[in-house]
Amino acid sequence: MRPLQVHPDHVLPVASDRFGALAETSDERFDRASFARQAVDLVRPARMTVAICEGSSRMRVESGPIWGRRGETWALVAVSDRASRRAIALAVATLARVPRAYALDALLDSASEPAP
């Protein structure tokens, strides 16, 4: 079986200067996958199927087209077990192509609200 090869155009450069905040870590105890799901629900990336996985050694975001479905895309958000809320919020914001300030304000405000 051939190893999976990811096309470089489908990987966001999370460690670059542009997205340096995505490498931010935190010792805060919270459910990072749940926070990522809340973030996806809040920004609702158009015509995108998003998978969230936990336990990655670093935050990673990958995306690409869904073959055979014009205009639809997929994304994978790999959440590090030490990712900060800010890093997760910015990762999801890159998928939805919403302004970073909006993503941070909305997502971090929702994090401080009690769960229903």
PDB file of N, CA and C in Angstrom:
ATOM      1  N   MET A   1       0.841  -1.179   0.000  1.00  0.00           N
ATOM      2  CA  MET A   1       0.000   0.000   0.000  1.00  0.00           C
ATOM      3  C   MET A   1       0.887   1.244   0.000  1.00  0.00           C
ATOM      4  N   ARG A   2       0.594   2.172  -0.892  1.00  0.00           N
ATOM      5  CA  ARG A   2       1.375   3.401  -0.980  1.00  0.00           C
ATOM      6  C   ARG A   2       1.024   4.343   0.157  1.00  0.00           C
ATOM      7  N   PRO A   3       2.014   5.063   0.721  1.00  0.00           N
ATOM      8  CA  PRO A   3       1.707   6.028   1.782  1.00  0.00           C
ATOM      9  C   PRO A   3       0.904   7.198   1.221  1.00  0.00           C
ATOM     10  N   LEU A   4       0.053   7.761   2.063  1.00  0.00           N
ATOM     11  CA  LEU A   4      -0.759   8.915   1.684  1.00  0.00           C
ATOM     12  C   LEU A   4       0.151  10.105   1.426  1.00  0.00           C
ATOM     13  N   GLN A   5      -0.031  10.760   0.301  1.00  0.00           N
ATOM     14  CA  GLN A   5       0.743  11.948  -0.007  1.00  0.00           C
ATOM     15  C   GLN A   5      -0.196  13.143  -0.014  1.00  0.00           C
ATOM     16  N   VAL A   6       0.159  14.160   0.740  1.00  0.00           N
ATOM     17  CA  VAL A   6      -0.648  15.371   0.830  1.00  0.00           C
ATOM     18  C   VAL A   6      -0.060  16.413  -0.106  1.00  0.00           C
ATOM     19  N   HIS A   7      -0.894  16.957  -0.945  1.00  0.00           N
ATOM     20  CA  HIS A   7      -0.461  17.987  -1.874  1.00  0.00           C
ATOM     21  C   HIS A   7      -0.110  19.248  -1.073  1.00  0.00           C
ATOM     22  N   PRO A   8       1.049  19.867  -1.321  1.00  0.00           N
ATOM     23  CA  PRO A   8       1.467  21.026  -0.534  1.00  0.00           C
ATOM     24  C   PRO A   8       0.476  22.185  -0.563  1.00  0.00           C
ATOM     25  N   ASP A   9      -0.325  22.305  -1.617  1.00  0.00           N
ATOM     26  CA  ASP A   9      -1.314  23.383  -1.687  1.00  0.00           C
ATOM     27  C   ASP A   9      -2.463  23.167  -0.720  1.00  0.00           C
ATOM     28  N   HIS A  10      -2.576  21.972  -0.148  1.00  0.00           N
ATOM     29  CA  HIS A  10      -3.684  21.662   0.745  1.00  0.00           C
ATOM     30  C   HIS A  10      -3.305  21.746   2.214  1.00  0.00           C
ATOM     31  N   VAL A  11      -2.100  22.193   2.509  1.00  0.00           N
ATOM     32  CA  VAL A  11      -1.644  22.311   3.890  1.00  0.00           C
ATOM     33  C   VAL A  11      -1.402  23.782   4.198  1.00  0.00           C
ATOM     34  N   LEU A  12      -2.045  24.271   5.248  1.00  0.00           N
ATOM     35  CA  LEU A  12      -1.832  25.654   5.651  1.00  0.00           C
ATOM     36  C   LEU A  12      -0.542  25.735   6.465  1.00  0.00           C
ATOM     37  N   PRO A  13       0.289  26.725   6.225  1.00  0.00           N
ATOM     38  CA  PRO A  13       1.570  26.834   6.921  1.00  0.00           C
ATOM     39  C   PRO A  13       1.399  27.369   8.341  1.00  0.00           C
ATOM     40  N   VAL A  14       0.978  26.530   9.267  1.00  0.00           N
ATOM     41  CA  VAL A  14       0.636  27.008  10.607  1.00  0.00           C
ATOM     42  C   VAL A  14       1.830  27.504  11.404  1.00  0.00           C
ATOM     43  N   ALA A  15       3.034  27.137  11.040  1.00  0.00           N
ATOM     44  CA  ALA A  15       4.194  27.582  11.805  1.00  0.00           C
ATOM     45  C   ALA A  15       4.852  28.820  11.201  1.00  0.00           C
ATOM     46  N   SER A  16       4.324  29.319  10.107  1.00  0.00           N
ATOM     47  CA  SER A  16       4.934  30.481   9.466  1.00  0.00           C
ATOM     48  C   SER A  16       4.609  31.751  10.245  1.00  0.00           C
ATOM     49  N   ASP A  17       5.263  32.853   9.873  1.00  0.00           N
ATOM     50  CA  ASP A  17       4.996  34.125  10.552  1.00  0.00           C
ATOM     51  C   ASP A  17       3.543  34.527  10.440  1.00  0.00           C
ATOM     52  N   ARG A  18       2.939  34.242   9.295  1.00  0.00           N
ATOM     53  CA  ARG A  18       1.552  34.647   9.068  1.00  0.00           C
ATOM     54  C   ARG A  18       0.597  33.963  10.050  1.00  0.00           C
ATOM     55  N   PHE A  19       0.834  32.692  10.343  1.00  0.00           N
ATOM     56  CA  PHE A  19      -0.045  31.941  11.235  1.00  0.00           C
ATOM     57  C   PHE A  19       0.682  31.503  12.504  1.00  0.00           C
ATOM     58  N   GLY A  20       1.718  32.233  12.914  1.00  0.00           N
ATOM     59  CA  GLY A  20       2.517  31.854  14.066  1.00  0.00           C
ATOM     60  C   GLY A  20       1.709  31.599  15.331  1.00  0.00           C
ATOM     61  N   ALA A  21       0.602  32.293  15.498  1.00  0.00           N
ATOM     62  CA  ALA A  21      -0.220  32.115  16.698  1.00  0.00           C
ATOM     63  C   ALA A  21      -0.827  30.718  16.772  1.00  0.00           C
ATOM     64  N   LEU A  22      -0.900  30.013  15.656  1.00  0.00           N
ATOM     65  CA  LEU A  22      -1.469  28.672  15.674  1.00  0.00           C
ATOM     66  C   LEU A  22      -0.570  27.681  16.399  1.00  0.00           C
ATOM     67  N   ALA A  23       0.694  28.027  16.571  1.00  0.00           N
ATOM     68  CA  ALA A  23       1.618  27.160  17.286  1.00  0.00           C
ATOM     69  C   ALA A  23       1.597  27.426  18.786  1.00  0.00           C
ATOM     70  N   GLU A  24       0.752  28.362  19.202  1.00  0.00           N
ATOM     71  CA  GLU A  24       0.653  28.732  20.610  1.00  0.00           C
ATOM     72  C   GLU A  24       0.135  27.561  21.451  1.00  0.00           C
ATOM     73  N   THR A  25       0.715  27.372  22.622  1.00  0.00           N
ATOM     74  CA  THR A  25       0.284  26.296  23.507  1.00  0.00           C
ATOM     75  C   THR A  25      -0.241  26.863  24.824  1.00  0.00           C
ATOM     76  N   SER A  26      -0.925  25.999  25.575  1.00  0.00           N
ATOM     77  CA  SER A  26      -1.491  26.408  26.857  1.00  0.00           C
ATOM     78  C   SER A  26      -1.575  25.196  27.779  1.00  0.00           C
ATOM     79  N   ASP A  27      -1.388  25.435  29.062  1.00  0.00           N
ATOM     80  CA  ASP A  27      -1.551  24.380  30.062  1.00  0.00           C
ATOM     81  C   ASP A  27      -2.978  24.345  30.608  1.00  0.00           C
ATOM     82  N   GLU A  28      -3.841  25.257  30.123  1.00  0.00           N
ATOM     83  CA  GLU A  28      -5.227  25.301  30.575  1.00  0.00           C
ATOM     84  C   GLU A  28      -5.905  23.960  30.299  1.00  0.00           C
ATOM     85  N   ARG A  29      -6.704  23.507  31.250  1.00  0.00           N
ATOM     86  CA  ARG A  29      -7.422  22.252  31.075  1.00  0.00           C
ATOM     87  C   ARG A  29      -8.811  22.540  30.508  1.00  0.00           C
ATOM     88  N   PHE A  30      -9.074  22.070  29.288  1.00  0.00           N
ATOM     89  CA  PHE A  30     -10.389  22.190  28.662  1.00  0.00           C
ATOM     90  C   PHE A  30     -10.469  21.166  27.548  1.00  0.00           C
ATOM     91  N   ASP A  31     -11.672  20.882  27.101  1.00  0.00           N
ATOM     92  CA  ASP A  31     -11.887  19.908  26.029  1.00  0.00           C
ATOM     93  C   ASP A  31     -11.601  20.591  24.695  1.00  0.00           C
ATOM     94  N   ARG A  32     -10.417  20.372  24.188  1.00  0.00           N
ATOM     95  CA  ARG A  32      -9.977  21.061  22.970  1.00  0.00           C
ATOM     96  C   ARG A  32     -10.780  20.648  21.740  1.00  0.00           C
ATOM     97  N   ALA A  33     -11.121  19.384  21.620  1.00  0.00           N
ATOM     98  CA  ALA A  33     -11.917  18.935  20.470  1.00  0.00           C
ATOM     99  C   ALA A  33     -13.305  19.546  20.515  1.00  0.00           C
ATOM    100  N   SER A  34     -13.896  19.615  21.691  1.00  0.00           N
ATOM    101  CA  SER A  34     -15.215  20.230  21.830  1.00  0.00           C
ATOM    102  C   SER A  34     -15.158  21.713  21.466  1.00  0.00           C
ATOM    103  N   PHE A  35     -14.112  22.387  21.904  1.00  0.00           N
ATOM    104  CA  PHE A  35     -13.951  23.796  21.566  1.00  0.00           C
ATOM    105  C   PHE A  35     -13.804  23.966  20.052  1.00  0.00           C
ATOM    106  N   ALA A  36     -13.048  23.076  19.409  1.00  0.00           N
ATOM    107  CA  ALA A  36     -12.887  23.143  17.956  1.00  0.00           C
ATOM    108  C   ALA A  36     -14.231  22.923  17.260  1.00  0.00           C
ATOM    109  N   ARG A  37     -15.038  21.965  17.765  1.00  0.00           N
ATOM    110  CA  ARG A  37     -16.369  21.733  17.177  1.00  0.00           C
ATOM    111  C   ARG A  37     -17.256  22.965  17.337  1.00  0.00           C
ATOM    112  N   GLN A  38     -17.215  23.608  18.499  1.00  0.00           N
ATOM    113  CA  GLN A  38     -17.993  24.834  18.710  1.00  0.00           C
ATOM    114  C   GLN A  38     -17.541  25.924  17.736  1.00  0.00           C
ATOM    115  N   ALA A  39     -16.242  26.004  17.520  1.00  0.00           N
ATOM    116  CA  ALA A  39     -15.707  27.006  16.599  1.00  0.00           C
ATOM    117  C   ALA A  39     -16.198  26.761  15.176  1.00  0.00           C
ATOM    118  N   VAL A  40     -16.175  25.509  14.745  1.00  0.00           N
ATOM    119  CA  VAL A  40     -16.663  25.169  13.400  1.00  0.00           C
ATOM    120  C   VAL A  40     -18.144  25.499  13.283  1.00  0.00           C
ATOM    121  N   ASP A  41     -18.935  25.162  14.313  1.00  0.00           N
ATOM    122  CA  ASP A  41     -20.367  25.468  14.299  1.00  0.00           C
ATOM    123  C   ASP A  41     -20.618  26.972  14.230  1.00  0.00           C
ATOM    124  N   LEU A  42     -19.773  27.747  14.871  1.00  0.00           N
ATOM    125  CA  LEU A  42     -19.955  29.198  14.900  1.00  0.00           C
ATOM    126  C   LEU A  42     -19.637  29.845  13.556  1.00  0.00           C
ATOM    127  N   VAL A  43     -18.526  29.465  12.932  1.00  0.00           N
ATOM    128  CA  VAL A  43     -18.135  30.125  11.678  1.00  0.00           C
ATOM    129  C   VAL A  43     -18.697  29.454  10.442  1.00  0.00           C
ATOM    130  N   ARG A  44     -19.169  28.223  10.559  1.00  0.00           N
ATOM    131  CA  ARG A  44     -19.823  27.486   9.477  1.00  0.00           C
ATOM    132  C   ARG A  44     -19.151  27.652   8.122  1.00  0.00           C
ATOM    133  N   PRO A  45     -18.021  27.014   7.913  1.00  0.00           N
ATOM    134  CA  PRO A  45     -17.373  27.115   6.596  1.00  0.00           C
ATOM    135  C   PRO A  45     -18.307  26.608   5.499  1.00  0.00           C
ATOM    136  N   ALA A  46     -18.517  27.424   4.488  1.00  0.00           N
ATOM    137  CA  ALA A  46     -19.458  27.096   3.416  1.00  0.00           C
ATOM    138  C   ALA A  46     -19.001  25.881   2.615  1.00  0.00           C
ATOM    139  N   ARG A  47     -19.926  24.944   2.413  1.00  0.00           N
ATOM    140  CA  ARG A  47     -19.724  23.768   1.565  1.00  0.00           C
ATOM    141  C   ARG A  47     -18.439  23.009   1.906  1.00  0.00           C
ATOM    142  N   MET A  48     -18.193  22.891   3.218  1.00  0.00           N
ATOM    143  CA  MET A  48     -16.981  22.214   3.675  1.00  0.00           C
ATOM    144  C   MET A  48     -17.343  21.173   4.732  1.00  0.00           C
ATOM    145  N   THR A  49     -16.795  19.981   4.578  1.00  0.00           N
ATOM    146  CA  THR A  49     -16.908  18.930   5.578  1.00  0.00           C
ATOM    147  C   THR A  49     -15.635  18.976   6.402  1.00  0.00           C
ATOM    148  N   VAL A  50     -15.781  19.145   7.724  1.00  0.00           N
ATOM    149  CA  VAL A  50     -14.622  19.308   8.596  1.00  0.00           C
ATOM    150  C   VAL A  50     -14.515  18.127   9.548  1.00  0.00           C
ATOM    151  N   ALA A  51     -13.331  17.532   9.591  1.00  0.00           N
ATOM    152  CA  ALA A  51     -13.026  16.470  10.561  1.00  0.00           C
ATOM    153  C   ALA A  51     -12.062  17.051  11.586  1.00  0.00           C
ATOM    154  N   ILE A  52     -12.292  16.712  12.846  1.00  0.00           N
ATOM    155  CA  ILE A  52     -11.435  17.179  13.928  1.00  0.00           C
ATOM    156  C   ILE A  52     -10.820  15.960  14.584  1.00  0.00           C
ATOM    157  N   CYS A  53      -9.517  15.982  14.737  1.00  0.00           N
ATOM    158  CA  CYS A  53      -8.869  14.869  15.439  1.00  0.00           C
ATOM    159  C   CYS A  53      -7.997  15.423  16.561  1.00  0.00           C
ATOM    160  N   GLU A  54      -7.902  14.657  17.619  1.00  0.00           N
ATOM    161  CA  GLU A  54      -7.128  15.050  18.797  1.00  0.00           C
ATOM    162  C   GLU A  54      -5.820  14.288  18.853  1.00  0.00           C
ATOM    163  N   GLY A  55      -4.902  14.796  19.683  1.00  0.00           N
ATOM    164  CA  GLY A  55      -3.678  14.069  19.969  1.00  0.00           C
ATOM    165  C   GLY A  55      -2.530  14.350  19.036  1.00  0.00           C
ATOM    166  N   SER A  56      -2.677  15.290  18.159  1.00  0.00           N
ATOM    167  CA  SER A  56      -1.593  15.642  17.251  1.00  0.00           C
ATOM    168  C   SER A  56      -0.458  16.279  18.057  1.00  0.00           C
ATOM    169  N   SER A  57       0.754  16.176  17.564  1.00  0.00           N
ATOM    170  CA  SER A  57       1.883  16.786  18.268  1.00  0.00           C
ATOM    171  C   SER A  57       1.893  18.308  18.097  1.00  0.00           C
ATOM    172  N   ARG A  58       1.202  18.800  17.066  1.00  0.00           N
ATOM    173  CA  ARG A  58       1.092  20.246  16.836  1.00  0.00           C
ATOM    174  C   ARG A  58      -0.218  20.518  16.101  1.00  0.00           C
ATOM    175  N   MET A  59      -0.660  21.764  16.151  1.00  0.00           N
ATOM    176  CA  MET A  59      -1.856  22.147  15.401  1.00  0.00           C
ATOM    177  C   MET A  59      -1.541  22.008  13.922  1.00  0.00           C
ATOM    178  N   ARG A  60      -2.464  21.421  13.200  1.00  0.00           N
ATOM    179  CA  ARG A  60      -2.283  21.257  11.760  1.00  0.00           C
ATOM    180  C   ARG A  60      -3.638  21.402  11.098  1.00  0.00           C
ATOM    181  N   VAL A  61      -3.664  22.088   9.985  1.00  0.00           N
ATOM    182  CA  VAL A  61      -4.889  22.262   9.213  1.00  0.00           C
ATOM    183  C   VAL A  61      -4.597  21.862   7.775  1.00  0.00           C
ATOM    184  N   GLU A  62      -5.414  20.961   7.250  1.00  0.00           N
ATOM    185  CA  GLU A  62      -5.283  20.552   5.856  1.00  0.00           C
ATOM    186  C   GLU A  62      -6.653  20.681   5.214  1.00  0.00           C
ATOM    187  N   SER A  63      -6.673  20.959   3.928  1.00  0.00           N
ATOM    188  CA  SER A  63      -7.951  21.045   3.220  1.00  0.00           C
ATOM    189  C   SER A  63      -7.742  20.769   1.743  1.00  0.00           C
ATOM    190  N   GLY A  64      -8.830  20.464   1.070  1.00  0.00           N
ATOM    191  CA  GLY A  64      -8.758  20.203  -0.356  1.00  0.00           C
ATOM    192  C   GLY A  64     -10.146  20.001  -0.932  1.00  0.00           C
ATOM    193  N   PRO A  65     -10.222  19.816  -2.225  1.00  0.00           N
ATOM    194  CA  PRO A  65     -11.525  19.632  -2.871  1.00  0.00           C
ATOM    195  C   PRO A  65     -12.067  18.223  -2.645  1.00  0.00           C
ATOM    196  N   ILE A  66     -13.384  18.109  -2.626  1.00  0.00           N
ATOM    197  CA  ILE A  66     -14.020  16.793  -2.626  1.00  0.00           C
ATOM    198  C   ILE A  66     -14.228  16.446  -4.097  1.00  0.00           C
ATOM    199  N   TRP A  67     -13.482  15.467  -4.546  1.00  0.00           N
ATOM    200  CA  TRP A  67     -13.528  15.117  -5.961  1.00  0.00           C
ATOM    201  C   TRP A  67     -14.925  14.675  -6.350  1.00  0.00           C
ATOM    202  N   GLY A  68     -15.402  15.189  -7.474  1.00  0.00           N
ATOM    203  CA  GLY A  68     -16.708  14.829  -7.989  1.00  0.00           C
ATOM    204  C   GLY A  68     -17.844  15.674  -7.431  1.00  0.00           C
ATOM    205  N   ARG A  69     -17.542  16.569  -6.530  1.00  0.00           N
ATOM    206  CA  ARG A  69     -18.568  17.454  -5.968  1.00  0.00           C
ATOM    207  C   ARG A  69     -18.103  18.897  -6.144  1.00  0.00           C
ATOM    208  N   ARG A  70     -18.505  19.461  -7.228  1.00  0.00           N
ATOM    209  CA  ARG A  70     -18.067  20.799  -7.601  1.00  0.00           C
ATOM    210  C   ARG A  70     -18.320  21.814  -6.476  1.00  0.00           C
ATOM    211  N   GLY A  71     -17.267  22.504  -6.089  1.00  0.00           N
ATOM    212  CA  GLY A  71     -17.375  23.565  -5.096  1.00  0.00           C
ATOM    213  C   GLY A  71     -17.365  23.105  -3.646  1.00  0.00           C
ATOM    214  N   GLU A  72     -17.343  21.794  -3.411  1.00  0.00           N
ATOM    215  CA  GLU A  72     -17.319  21.303  -2.034  1.00  0.00           C
ATOM    216  C   GLU A  72     -15.891  20.951  -1.645  1.00  0.00           C
ATOM    217  N   THR A  73     -15.570  21.164  -0.374  1.00  0.00           N
ATOM    218  CA  THR A  73     -14.225  20.898   0.112  1.00  0.00           C
ATOM    219  C   THR A  73     -14.260  20.102   1.413  1.00  0.00           C
ATOM    220  N   TRP A  74     -13.115  19.573   1.781  1.00  0.00           N
ATOM    221  CA  TRP A  74     -12.939  18.867   3.040  1.00  0.00           C
ATOM    222  C   TRP A  74     -11.835  19.579   3.814  1.00  0.00           C
ATOM    223  N   ALA A  75     -11.837  19.388   5.114  1.00  0.00           N
ATOM    224  CA  ALA A  75     -10.764  19.930   5.943  1.00  0.00           C
ATOM    225  C   ALA A  75     -10.527  19.013   7.127  1.00  0.00           C
ATOM    226  N   LEU A  76      -9.297  18.984   7.565  1.00  0.00           N
ATOM    227  CA  LEU A  76      -8.904  18.254   8.757  1.00  0.00           C
ATOM    228  C   LEU A  76      -8.247  19.249   9.699  1.00  0.00           C
ATOM    229  N   VAL A  77      -8.752  19.314  10.924  1.00  0.00           N
ATOM    230  CA  VAL A  77      -8.138  20.141  11.951  1.00  0.00           C
ATOM    231  C   VAL A  77      -7.574  19.173  12.983  1.00  0.00           C
ATOM    232  N   ALA A  78      -6.249  19.059  13.022  1.00  0.00           N
ATOM    233  CA  ALA A  78      -5.575  18.200  13.992  1.00  0.00           C
ATOM    234  C   ALA A  78      -5.226  19.073  15.189  1.00  0.00           C
ATOM    235  N   VAL A  79      -5.816  18.760  16.333  1.00  0.00           N
ATOM    236  CA  VAL A  79      -5.676  19.593  17.520  1.00  0.00           C
ATOM    237  C   VAL A  79      -4.649  18.975  18.465  1.00  0.00           C
ATOM    238  N   SER A  80      -3.644  19.749  18.777  1.00  0.00           N
ATOM    239  CA  SER A  80      -2.614  19.332  19.725  1.00  0.00           C
ATOM    240  C   SER A  80      -3.218  19.260  21.126  1.00  0.00           C
ATOM    241  N   ASP A  81      -2.685  18.371  21.956  1.00  0.00           N
ATOM    242  CA  ASP A  81      -3.208  18.248  23.316  1.00  0.00           C
ATOM    243  C   ASP A  81      -2.785  19.423  24.200  1.00  0.00           C
ATOM    244  N   ARG A  82      -1.985  20.348  23.661  1.00  0.00           N
ATOM    245  CA  ARG A  82      -1.604  21.550  24.409  1.00  0.00           C
ATOM    246  C   ARG A  82      -1.968  22.828  23.655  1.00  0.00           C
ATOM    247  N   ALA A  83      -2.791  22.733  22.634  1.00  0.00           N
ATOM    248  CA  ALA A  83      -3.167  23.912  21.845  1.00  0.00           C
ATOM    249  C   ALA A  83      -3.929  24.915  22.703  1.00  0.00           C
ATOM    250  N   SER A  84      -3.652  26.180  22.480  1.00  0.00           N
ATOM    251  CA  SER A  84      -4.391  27.228  23.191  1.00  0.00           C
ATOM    252  C   SER A  84      -5.739  27.452  22.515  1.00  0.00           C
ATOM    253  N   ARG A  85      -6.651  28.068  23.245  1.00  0.00           N
ATOM    254  CA  ARG A  85      -7.955  28.419  22.650  1.00  0.00           C
ATOM    255  C   ARG A  85      -7.748  29.323  21.442  1.00  0.00           C
ATOM    256  N   ARG A  86      -6.822  30.255  21.574  1.00  0.00           N
ATOM    257  CA  ARG A  86      -6.545  31.194  20.481  1.00  0.00           C
ATOM    258  C   ARG A  86      -6.052  30.449  19.245  1.00  0.00           C
ATOM    259  N   ALA A  87      -5.175  29.480  19.414  1.00  0.00           N
ATOM    260  CA  ALA A  87      -4.655  28.717  18.288  1.00  0.00           C
ATOM    261  C   ALA A  87      -5.767  27.951  17.583  1.00  0.00           C
ATOM    262  N   ILE A  88      -6.650  27.347  18.363  1.00  0.00           N
ATOM    263  CA  ILE A  88      -7.768  26.595  17.780  1.00  0.00           C
ATOM    264  C   ILE A  88      -8.711  27.536  17.040  1.00  0.00           C
ATOM    265  N   ALA A  89      -9.030  28.669  17.660  1.00  0.00           N
ATOM    266  CA  ALA A  89      -9.925  29.647  17.029  1.00  0.00           C
ATOM    267  C   ALA A  89      -9.349  30.149  15.707  1.00  0.00           C
ATOM    268  N   LEU A  90      -8.063  30.435  15.687  1.00  0.00           N
ATOM    269  CA  LEU A  90      -7.442  30.923  14.452  1.00  0.00           C
ATOM    270  C   LEU A  90      -7.376  29.844  13.385  1.00  0.00           C
ATOM    271  N   ALA A  91      -7.146  28.604  13.791  1.00  0.00           N
ATOM    272  CA  ALA A  91      -7.109  27.507  12.819  1.00  0.00           C
ATOM    273  C   ALA A  91      -8.457  27.374  12.124  1.00  0.00           C
ATOM    274  N   VAL A  92      -9.531  27.395  12.900  1.00  0.00           N
ATOM    275  CA  VAL A  92     -10.874  27.274  12.313  1.00  0.00           C
ATOM    276  C   VAL A  92     -11.203  28.509  11.480  1.00  0.00           C
ATOM    277  N   ALA A  93     -10.770  29.667  11.930  1.00  0.00           N
ATOM    278  CA  ALA A  93     -11.027  30.899  11.169  1.00  0.00           C
ATOM    279  C   ALA A  93     -10.386  30.850   9.800  1.00  0.00           C
ATOM    280  N   THR A  94      -9.217  30.205   9.684  1.00  0.00           N
ATOM    281  CA  THR A  94      -8.571  30.118   8.370  1.00  0.00           C
ATOM    282  C   THR A  94      -9.417  29.294   7.407  1.00  0.00           C
ATOM    283  N   LEU A  95     -10.149  28.308   7.935  1.00  0.00           N
ATOM    284  CA  LEU A  95     -11.003  27.487   7.075  1.00  0.00           C
ATOM    285  C   LEU A  95     -12.191  28.279   6.554  1.00  0.00           C
ATOM    286  N   ALA A  96     -12.782  29.075   7.432  1.00  0.00           N
ATOM    287  CA  ALA A  96     -13.980  29.818   7.057  1.00  0.00           C
ATOM    288  C   ALA A  96     -13.665  31.127   6.356  1.00  0.00           C
ATOM    289  N   ARG A  97     -12.386  31.465   6.340  1.00  0.00           N
ATOM    290  CA  ARG A  97     -11.950  32.715   5.728  1.00  0.00           C
ATOM    291  C   ARG A  97     -12.682  33.908   6.319  1.00  0.00           C
ATOM    292  N   VAL A  98     -12.784  33.907   7.635  1.00  0.00           N
ATOM    293  CA  VAL A  98     -13.366  35.050   8.343  1.00  0.00           C
ATOM    294  C   VAL A  98     -12.222  35.856   8.936  1.00  0.00           C
ATOM    295  N   PRO A  99     -12.444  37.139   9.181  1.00  0.00           N
ATOM    296  CA  PRO A  99     -11.369  37.961   9.757  1.00  0.00           C
ATOM    297  C   PRO A  99     -10.917  37.407  11.107  1.00  0.00           C
ATOM    298  N   ARG A 100      -9.613  37.448  11.341  1.00  0.00           N
ATOM    299  CA  ARG A 100      -9.048  36.915  12.580  1.00  0.00           C
ATOM    300  C   ARG A 100      -9.657  37.593  13.806  1.00  0.00           C
ATOM    301  N   ALA A 101      -9.854  38.904  13.750  1.00  0.00           N
ATOM    302  CA  ALA A 101     -10.405  39.617  14.909  1.00  0.00           C
ATOM    303  C   ALA A 101     -11.801  39.091  15.241  1.00  0.00           C
ATOM    304  N   TYR A 102     -12.629  38.876  14.226  1.00  0.00           N
ATOM    305  CA  TYR A 102     -13.962  38.334  14.454  1.00  0.00           C
ATOM    306  C   TYR A 102     -13.882  36.961  15.108  1.00  0.00           C
ATOM    307  N   ALA A 103     -13.040  36.127  14.557  1.00  0.00           N
ATOM    308  CA  ALA A 103     -12.926  34.761  15.071  1.00  0.00           C
ATOM    309  C   ALA A 103     -12.498  34.763  16.525  1.00  0.00           C
ATOM    310  N   LEU A 104     -11.496  35.538  16.835  1.00  0.00           N
ATOM    311  CA  LEU A 104     -11.023  35.571  18.215  1.00  0.00           C
ATOM    312  C   LEU A 104     -12.092  36.089  19.162  1.00  0.00           C
ATOM    313  N   ASP A 105     -12.701  37.225  18.817  1.00  0.00           N
ATOM    314  CA  ASP A 105     -13.735  37.791  19.697  1.00  0.00           C
ATOM    315  C   ASP A 105     -14.892  36.831  19.896  1.00  0.00           C
ATOM    316  N   ALA A 106     -15.438  36.340  18.804  1.00  0.00           N
ATOM    317  CA  ALA A 106     -16.621  35.482  18.886  1.00  0.00           C
ATOM    318  C   ALA A 106     -16.330  34.157  19.579  1.00  0.00           C
ATOM    319  N   LEU A 107     -15.244  33.521  19.208  1.00  0.00           N
ATOM    320  CA  LEU A 107     -14.941  32.209  19.763  1.00  0.00           C
ATOM    321  C   LEU A 107     -14.498  32.275  21.214  1.00  0.00           C
ATOM    322  N   LEU A 108     -13.688  33.236  21.541  1.00  0.00           N
ATOM    323  CA  LEU A 108     -13.220  33.334  22.917  1.00  0.00           C
ATOM    324  C   LEU A 108     -14.339  33.821  23.840  1.00  0.00           C
ATOM    325  N   ASP A 109     -15.236  34.678  23.337  1.00  0.00           N
ATOM    326  CA  ASP A 109     -16.408  35.074  24.138  1.00  0.00           C
ATOM    327  C   ASP A 109     -17.308  33.880  24.388  1.00  0.00           C
ATOM    328  N   SER A 110     -17.510  33.044  23.362  1.00  0.00           N
ATOM    329  CA  SER A 110     -18.377  31.887  23.542  1.00  0.00           C
ATOM    330  C   SER A 110     -17.764  30.892  24.513  1.00  0.00           C
ATOM    331  N   ALA A 111     -16.439  30.868  24.600  1.00  0.00           N
ATOM    332  CA  ALA A 111     -15.767  29.942  25.519  1.00  0.00           C
ATOM    333  C   ALA A 111     -16.007  30.329  26.967  1.00  0.00           C
ATOM    334  N   SER A 112     -16.235  31.620  27.215  1.00  0.00           N
ATOM    335  CA  SER A 112     -16.426  32.054  28.588  1.00  0.00           C
ATOM    336  C   SER A 112     -17.871  31.919  29.054  1.00  0.00           C
ATOM    337  N   GLU A 113     -18.779  31.607  28.124  1.00  0.00           N
ATOM    338  CA  GLU A 113     -20.184  31.418  28.483  1.00  0.00           C
ATOM    339  C   GLU A 113     -20.383  30.005  29.034  1.00  0.00           C
ATOM    340  N   PRO A 114     -21.276  29.845  30.014  1.00  0.00           N
ATOM    341  CA  PRO A 114     -21.525  28.494  30.538  1.00  0.00           C
ATOM    342  C   PRO A 114     -22.180  27.612  29.484  1.00  0.00           C
ATOM    343  N   ALA A 115     -21.823  26.343  29.486  1.00  0.00           N
ATOM    344  CA  ALA A 115     -22.414  25.398  28.539  1.00  0.00           C
ATOM    345  C   ALA A 115     -23.887  25.194  28.853  1.00  0.00           C
ATOM    346  N   PRO A 116     -24.749  25.011  27.817  1.00  0.00           N
ATOM    347  CA  PRO A 116     -26.188  24.825  28.051  1.00  0.00           C
ATOM    348  C   PRO A 116     -26.484  23.507  28.730  1.00  0.00           C
TER     349      PRO A 116
END
